[in-house]
Amino acid sequence: MTYVVTDSCIGCKYTDCVEVCPVDCFYEGANMLVIHPDECIDCGVCEPECPIDAILPDTEPGMEKWVEFNRKYSEIWPVIIEKRDPLPGAEALENEEGKLKYFSAEPGKGSD
């Protein structure tokens, strides 16, 4: 099993989860994070840290597409190992449904 980041993260990019991950398996895109499914050790500490419930176990219904999404982008985006500020305007997008329309495949800043 692994945990995955879903489209709820898009436009918000809260990084509370990054701080608690013991294996540094989060990767940063321009407007969201993903988890590398082969690096995740299924400890579950990240899930409750996400203030918008964007992190789910792959055992939830419909998560197969998110496992592949997370795998694809974790292999091209830089790893993120420290907490950063959320994106400007994150609060306004927190509860919006269907945020995939805002997705950017561009990599994030990377770790400092």
N, C-alpha and C. Protein backbone atom coordinates (compact mmCIF):
# COMPACT_ATOMS: atom_id res chain seq x y z
N MET A 1 0.84 -1.19 0.00
CA MET A 1 0.00 0.00 0.00
C MET A 1 0.88 1.24 0.00
N THR A 2 0.32 2.30 -0.50
CA THR A 2 0.98 3.60 -0.49
C THR A 2 -0.07 4.68 -0.24
N TYR A 3 0.39 5.84 0.03
CA TYR A 3 -0.49 7.00 0.10
C TYR A 3 -0.27 7.82 -1.16
N VAL A 4 -1.29 8.54 -1.58
CA VAL A 4 -1.20 9.37 -2.78
C VAL A 4 -1.80 10.74 -2.51
N VAL A 5 -1.33 11.70 -3.28
CA VAL A 5 -1.88 13.05 -3.23
C VAL A 5 -2.88 13.16 -4.38
N THR A 6 -4.04 13.72 -4.09
CA THR A 6 -5.10 13.87 -5.09
C THR A 6 -5.19 15.33 -5.55
N ASP A 7 -6.12 15.59 -6.45
CA ASP A 7 -6.27 16.94 -7.00
C ASP A 7 -6.70 17.99 -5.98
N SER A 8 -7.09 17.58 -4.80
CA SER A 8 -7.42 18.57 -3.76
C SER A 8 -6.23 19.46 -3.42
N CYS A 9 -5.02 18.95 -3.65
CA CYS A 9 -3.79 19.69 -3.36
C CYS A 9 -3.55 20.82 -4.36
N ILE A 10 -4.07 20.68 -5.56
CA ILE A 10 -3.79 21.64 -6.63
C ILE A 10 -4.24 23.04 -6.22
N GLY A 11 -3.34 23.98 -6.38
CA GLY A 11 -3.63 25.37 -6.07
C GLY A 11 -3.43 25.74 -4.61
N CYS A 12 -3.24 24.75 -3.76
CA CYS A 12 -3.04 25.00 -2.33
C CYS A 12 -1.59 24.72 -1.94
N LYS A 13 -1.16 23.49 -2.16
CA LYS A 13 0.19 23.03 -1.88
C LYS A 13 0.63 23.30 -0.44
N TYR A 14 -0.19 22.85 0.50
CA TYR A 14 0.22 22.89 1.89
C TYR A 14 1.32 21.84 2.05
N THR A 15 2.32 22.13 2.84
CA THR A 15 3.45 21.21 2.94
C THR A 15 3.65 20.67 4.35
N ASP A 16 2.62 20.69 5.15
CA ASP A 16 2.69 20.14 6.50
C ASP A 16 3.12 18.67 6.45
N CYS A 17 2.67 17.97 5.42
CA CYS A 17 2.96 16.54 5.23
C CYS A 17 4.45 16.28 5.04
N VAL A 18 5.12 17.18 4.37
CA VAL A 18 6.54 17.02 4.05
C VAL A 18 7.36 16.96 5.34
N GLU A 19 6.98 17.78 6.29
CA GLU A 19 7.70 17.87 7.56
C GLU A 19 7.73 16.56 8.34
N VAL A 20 6.68 15.77 8.22
CA VAL A 20 6.58 14.55 9.03
C VAL A 20 7.01 13.28 8.30
N CYS A 21 7.22 13.35 7.00
CA CYS A 21 7.55 12.16 6.21
C CYS A 21 8.95 11.65 6.59
N PRO A 22 9.05 10.41 7.09
CA PRO A 22 10.36 9.89 7.51
C PRO A 22 11.25 9.44 6.35
N VAL A 23 10.70 9.33 5.15
CA VAL A 23 11.50 8.84 4.02
C VAL A 23 11.63 9.85 2.87
N ASP A 24 11.17 11.07 3.07
CA ASP A 24 11.29 12.12 2.06
C ASP A 24 10.80 11.68 0.68
N CYS A 25 9.55 11.21 0.63
CA CYS A 25 9.01 10.72 -0.64
C CYS A 25 8.04 11.69 -1.30
N PHE A 26 8.06 12.96 -0.87
CA PHE A 26 7.21 13.98 -1.51
C PHE A 26 8.01 14.71 -2.58
N TYR A 27 7.32 15.02 -3.66
CA TYR A 27 7.93 15.73 -4.79
C TYR A 27 7.07 16.92 -5.12
N GLU A 28 7.73 18.01 -5.55
CA GLU A 28 7.05 19.30 -5.68
C GLU A 28 6.89 19.75 -7.12
N GLY A 29 5.63 19.96 -7.48
CA GLY A 29 5.30 20.59 -8.75
C GLY A 29 5.02 22.06 -8.52
N ALA A 30 4.73 22.76 -9.58
CA ALA A 30 4.48 24.19 -9.47
C ALA A 30 3.29 24.51 -8.58
N ASN A 31 2.23 23.64 -8.62
CA ASN A 31 1.06 23.97 -7.81
C ASN A 31 0.48 22.80 -7.03
N MET A 32 1.28 21.75 -6.84
CA MET A 32 0.85 20.65 -5.98
C MET A 32 2.04 19.77 -5.62
N LEU A 33 1.80 18.83 -4.73
CA LEU A 33 2.80 17.83 -4.35
C LEU A 33 2.33 16.46 -4.80
N VAL A 34 3.26 15.52 -4.90
CA VAL A 34 2.92 14.12 -5.14
C VAL A 34 3.82 13.26 -4.25
N ILE A 35 3.42 12.01 -4.08
CA ILE A 35 4.18 11.03 -3.31
C ILE A 35 4.68 9.96 -4.26
N HIS A 36 5.95 9.61 -4.14
CA HIS A 36 6.47 8.52 -4.97
C HIS A 36 5.96 7.21 -4.36
N PRO A 37 5.10 6.47 -5.07
CA PRO A 37 4.49 5.27 -4.49
C PRO A 37 5.48 4.15 -4.16
N ASP A 38 6.63 4.13 -4.81
CA ASP A 38 7.62 3.09 -4.50
C ASP A 38 8.49 3.46 -3.31
N GLU A 39 8.48 4.72 -2.93
CA GLU A 39 9.28 5.17 -1.79
C GLU A 39 8.47 5.27 -0.52
N CYS A 40 7.17 5.43 -0.63
CA CYS A 40 6.28 5.53 0.52
C CYS A 40 6.32 4.22 1.30
N ILE A 41 6.48 4.32 2.61
CA ILE A 41 6.54 3.12 3.45
C ILE A 41 5.21 2.85 4.16
N ASP A 42 4.17 3.55 3.76
CA ASP A 42 2.84 3.31 4.30
C ASP A 42 2.75 3.55 5.80
N CYS A 43 3.48 4.51 6.30
CA CYS A 43 3.43 4.78 7.74
C CYS A 43 2.18 5.58 8.10
N GLY A 44 1.66 6.36 7.14
CA GLY A 44 0.42 7.09 7.36
C GLY A 44 0.54 8.39 8.13
N VAL A 45 1.74 8.82 8.49
CA VAL A 45 1.85 10.04 9.29
C VAL A 45 1.50 11.30 8.50
N CYS A 46 1.58 11.24 7.18
CA CYS A 46 1.29 12.42 6.36
C CYS A 46 -0.21 12.70 6.25
N GLU A 47 -1.00 11.65 6.21
CA GLU A 47 -2.44 11.82 5.94
C GLU A 47 -3.13 12.79 6.90
N PRO A 48 -2.97 12.65 8.23
CA PRO A 48 -3.66 13.58 9.12
C PRO A 48 -3.06 14.99 9.13
N GLU A 49 -1.87 15.15 8.59
CA GLU A 49 -1.23 16.47 8.56
C GLU A 49 -1.79 17.37 7.48
N CYS A 50 -2.42 16.79 6.46
CA CYS A 50 -2.95 17.60 5.36
C CYS A 50 -4.23 18.30 5.79
N PRO A 51 -4.22 19.64 5.82
CA PRO A 51 -5.39 20.36 6.29
C PRO A 51 -6.60 20.29 5.34
N ILE A 52 -6.40 19.80 4.12
CA ILE A 52 -7.51 19.74 3.17
C ILE A 52 -7.81 18.30 2.72
N ASP A 53 -7.28 17.33 3.42
CA ASP A 53 -7.54 15.91 3.14
C ASP A 53 -7.23 15.52 1.70
N ALA A 54 -6.10 16.01 1.19
CA ALA A 54 -5.68 15.69 -0.18
C ALA A 54 -4.89 14.39 -0.26
N ILE A 55 -4.49 13.84 0.88
CA ILE A 55 -3.70 12.61 0.92
C ILE A 55 -4.59 11.46 1.35
N LEU A 56 -4.60 10.42 0.51
CA LEU A 56 -5.45 9.26 0.77
C LEU A 56 -4.67 7.97 0.56
N PRO A 57 -5.07 6.89 1.22
CA PRO A 57 -4.43 5.60 0.95
C PRO A 57 -4.89 5.07 -0.40
N ASP A 58 -4.03 4.32 -1.06
CA ASP A 58 -4.40 3.81 -2.38
C ASP A 58 -5.47 2.73 -2.33
N THR A 59 -5.88 2.36 -1.14
CA THR A 59 -6.94 1.35 -0.98
C THR A 59 -8.34 1.95 -1.10
N GLU A 60 -8.43 3.27 -1.11
CA GLU A 60 -9.72 3.94 -1.30
C GLU A 60 -10.19 3.71 -2.73
N PRO A 61 -11.50 3.65 -2.97
CA PRO A 61 -12.01 3.48 -4.34
C PRO A 61 -11.54 4.59 -5.28
N GLY A 62 -11.16 4.21 -6.49
CA GLY A 62 -10.76 5.17 -7.51
C GLY A 62 -9.36 5.73 -7.41
N MET A 63 -8.55 5.16 -6.54
CA MET A 63 -7.21 5.71 -6.34
C MET A 63 -6.17 5.21 -7.35
N GLU A 64 -6.51 4.22 -8.16
CA GLU A 64 -5.54 3.69 -9.12
C GLU A 64 -4.97 4.78 -10.02
N LYS A 65 -5.85 5.67 -10.50
CA LYS A 65 -5.38 6.74 -11.39
C LYS A 65 -4.45 7.70 -10.65
N TRP A 66 -4.68 7.88 -9.34
CA TRP A 66 -3.83 8.78 -8.57
C TRP A 66 -2.49 8.14 -8.25
N VAL A 67 -2.45 6.83 -8.11
CA VAL A 67 -1.17 6.15 -7.92
C VAL A 67 -0.29 6.40 -9.15
N GLU A 68 -0.85 6.22 -10.33
CA GLU A 68 -0.08 6.43 -11.56
C GLU A 68 0.27 7.89 -11.76
N PHE A 69 -0.63 8.79 -11.42
CA PHE A 69 -0.38 10.23 -11.50
C PHE A 69 0.80 10.59 -10.59
N ASN A 70 0.74 10.12 -9.34
CA ASN A 70 1.81 10.40 -8.38
C ASN A 70 3.13 9.80 -8.86
N ARG A 71 3.09 8.59 -9.38
CA ARG A 71 4.31 7.94 -9.88
C ARG A 71 4.93 8.76 -11.02
N LYS A 72 4.11 9.14 -11.98
CA LYS A 72 4.59 9.88 -13.15
C LYS A 72 5.32 11.16 -12.75
N TYR A 73 4.68 11.97 -11.93
CA TYR A 73 5.26 13.27 -11.60
C TYR A 73 6.36 13.19 -10.55
N SER A 74 6.33 12.20 -9.68
CA SER A 74 7.42 12.06 -8.70
C SER A 74 8.73 11.68 -9.38
N GLU A 75 8.63 11.14 -10.58
CA GLU A 75 9.85 10.76 -11.30
C GLU A 75 10.44 11.93 -12.10
N ILE A 76 9.72 13.05 -12.19
CA ILE A 76 10.28 14.19 -12.92
C ILE A 76 10.39 15.47 -12.09
N TRP A 77 9.66 15.54 -10.99
CA TRP A 77 9.73 16.74 -10.14
C TRP A 77 10.80 16.57 -9.07
N PRO A 78 11.29 17.68 -8.50
CA PRO A 78 12.29 17.60 -7.44
C PRO A 78 11.68 17.20 -6.10
N VAL A 79 12.48 16.52 -5.30
CA VAL A 79 12.05 16.14 -3.96
C VAL A 79 11.91 17.41 -3.12
N ILE A 80 11.00 17.39 -2.18
CA ILE A 80 10.84 18.49 -1.23
C ILE A 80 10.97 17.90 0.16
N ILE A 81 11.83 18.50 0.97
CA ILE A 81 12.10 17.93 2.30
C ILE A 81 11.83 18.90 3.45
N GLU A 82 11.36 20.08 3.13
CA GLU A 82 11.06 21.02 4.20
C GLU A 82 9.75 21.75 3.92
N LYS A 83 9.13 22.16 5.00
CA LYS A 83 7.85 22.86 4.90
C LYS A 83 8.04 24.23 4.26
N ARG A 84 7.10 24.60 3.42
CA ARG A 84 7.08 25.91 2.77
C ARG A 84 5.70 26.54 2.99
N ASP A 85 5.60 27.80 2.67
CA ASP A 85 4.31 28.47 2.75
C ASP A 85 3.39 27.93 1.66
N PRO A 86 2.08 27.87 1.93
CA PRO A 86 1.15 27.45 0.88
C PRO A 86 1.14 28.48 -0.25
N LEU A 87 0.54 28.11 -1.35
CA LEU A 87 0.45 29.03 -2.49
C LEU A 87 -0.45 30.21 -2.16
N PRO A 88 -0.18 31.38 -2.73
CA PRO A 88 -1.07 32.52 -2.54
C PRO A 88 -2.47 32.15 -3.03
N GLY A 89 -3.47 32.49 -2.26
CA GLY A 89 -4.85 32.19 -2.64
C GLY A 89 -5.28 30.77 -2.30
N ALA A 90 -4.45 30.03 -1.58
CA ALA A 90 -4.77 28.63 -1.25
C ALA A 90 -6.10 28.51 -0.50
N GLU A 91 -6.34 29.39 0.44
CA GLU A 91 -7.57 29.29 1.23
C GLU A 91 -8.82 29.39 0.36
N ALA A 92 -8.77 30.19 -0.68
CA ALA A 92 -9.93 30.36 -1.56
C ALA A 92 -10.24 29.09 -2.36
N LEU A 93 -9.22 28.24 -2.57
CA LEU A 93 -9.40 27.03 -3.37
C LEU A 93 -9.58 25.76 -2.54
N GLU A 94 -9.44 25.87 -1.23
CA GLU A 94 -9.44 24.69 -0.36
C GLU A 94 -10.60 23.73 -0.60
N ASN A 95 -11.78 24.23 -0.75
CA ASN A 95 -12.97 23.38 -0.84
C ASN A 95 -13.50 23.21 -2.26
N GLU A 96 -12.77 23.71 -3.24
CA GLU A 96 -13.23 23.60 -4.62
C GLU A 96 -13.08 22.16 -5.12
N GLU A 97 -14.06 21.70 -5.83
CA GLU A 97 -14.04 20.35 -6.43
C GLU A 97 -13.45 20.42 -7.84
N GLY A 98 -12.93 19.32 -8.33
CA GLY A 98 -12.47 19.23 -9.71
C GLY A 98 -11.34 20.20 -10.06
N LYS A 99 -10.32 20.23 -9.24
CA LYS A 99 -9.24 21.20 -9.44
C LYS A 99 -8.20 20.76 -10.47
N LEU A 100 -8.39 19.62 -11.11
CA LEU A 100 -7.44 19.15 -12.11
C LEU A 100 -7.29 20.16 -13.26
N LYS A 101 -8.30 20.97 -13.48
CA LYS A 101 -8.24 21.99 -14.54
C LYS A 101 -7.17 23.04 -14.26
N TYR A 102 -6.73 23.16 -13.01
CA TYR A 102 -5.69 24.12 -12.65
C TYR A 102 -4.30 23.49 -12.63
N PHE A 103 -4.20 22.20 -12.88
CA PHE A 103 -2.94 21.49 -12.75
C PHE A 103 -1.86 22.04 -13.68
N SER A 104 -0.65 22.13 -13.16
CA SER A 104 0.52 22.50 -13.95
C SER A 104 1.54 21.37 -13.82
N ALA A 105 2.05 20.89 -14.94
CA ALA A 105 3.05 19.82 -14.93
C ALA A 105 4.46 20.37 -14.69
N GLU A 106 4.58 21.67 -14.58
CA GLU A 106 5.89 22.27 -14.35
C GLU A 106 6.42 21.87 -12.98
N PRO A 107 7.73 21.67 -12.87
CA PRO A 107 8.31 21.33 -11.57
C PRO A 107 8.23 22.52 -10.62
N GLY A 108 8.33 22.21 -9.34
CA GLY A 108 8.34 23.26 -8.32
C GLY A 108 9.73 23.80 -8.13
N LYS A 109 9.91 24.53 -7.02
CA LYS A 109 11.17 25.19 -6.73
C LYS A 109 12.28 24.21 -6.38
N GLY A 110 11.91 23.04 -5.86
CA GLY A 110 12.92 22.11 -5.38
C GLY A 110 13.35 22.48 -3.99
N SER A 111 14.12 21.63 -3.38
CA SER A 111 14.57 21.85 -2.01
C SER A 111 15.71 22.84 -1.96
N ASP A 112 15.71 23.62 -0.90
CA ASP A 112 16.77 24.60 -0.71
C ASP A 112 18.02 23.94 -0.18
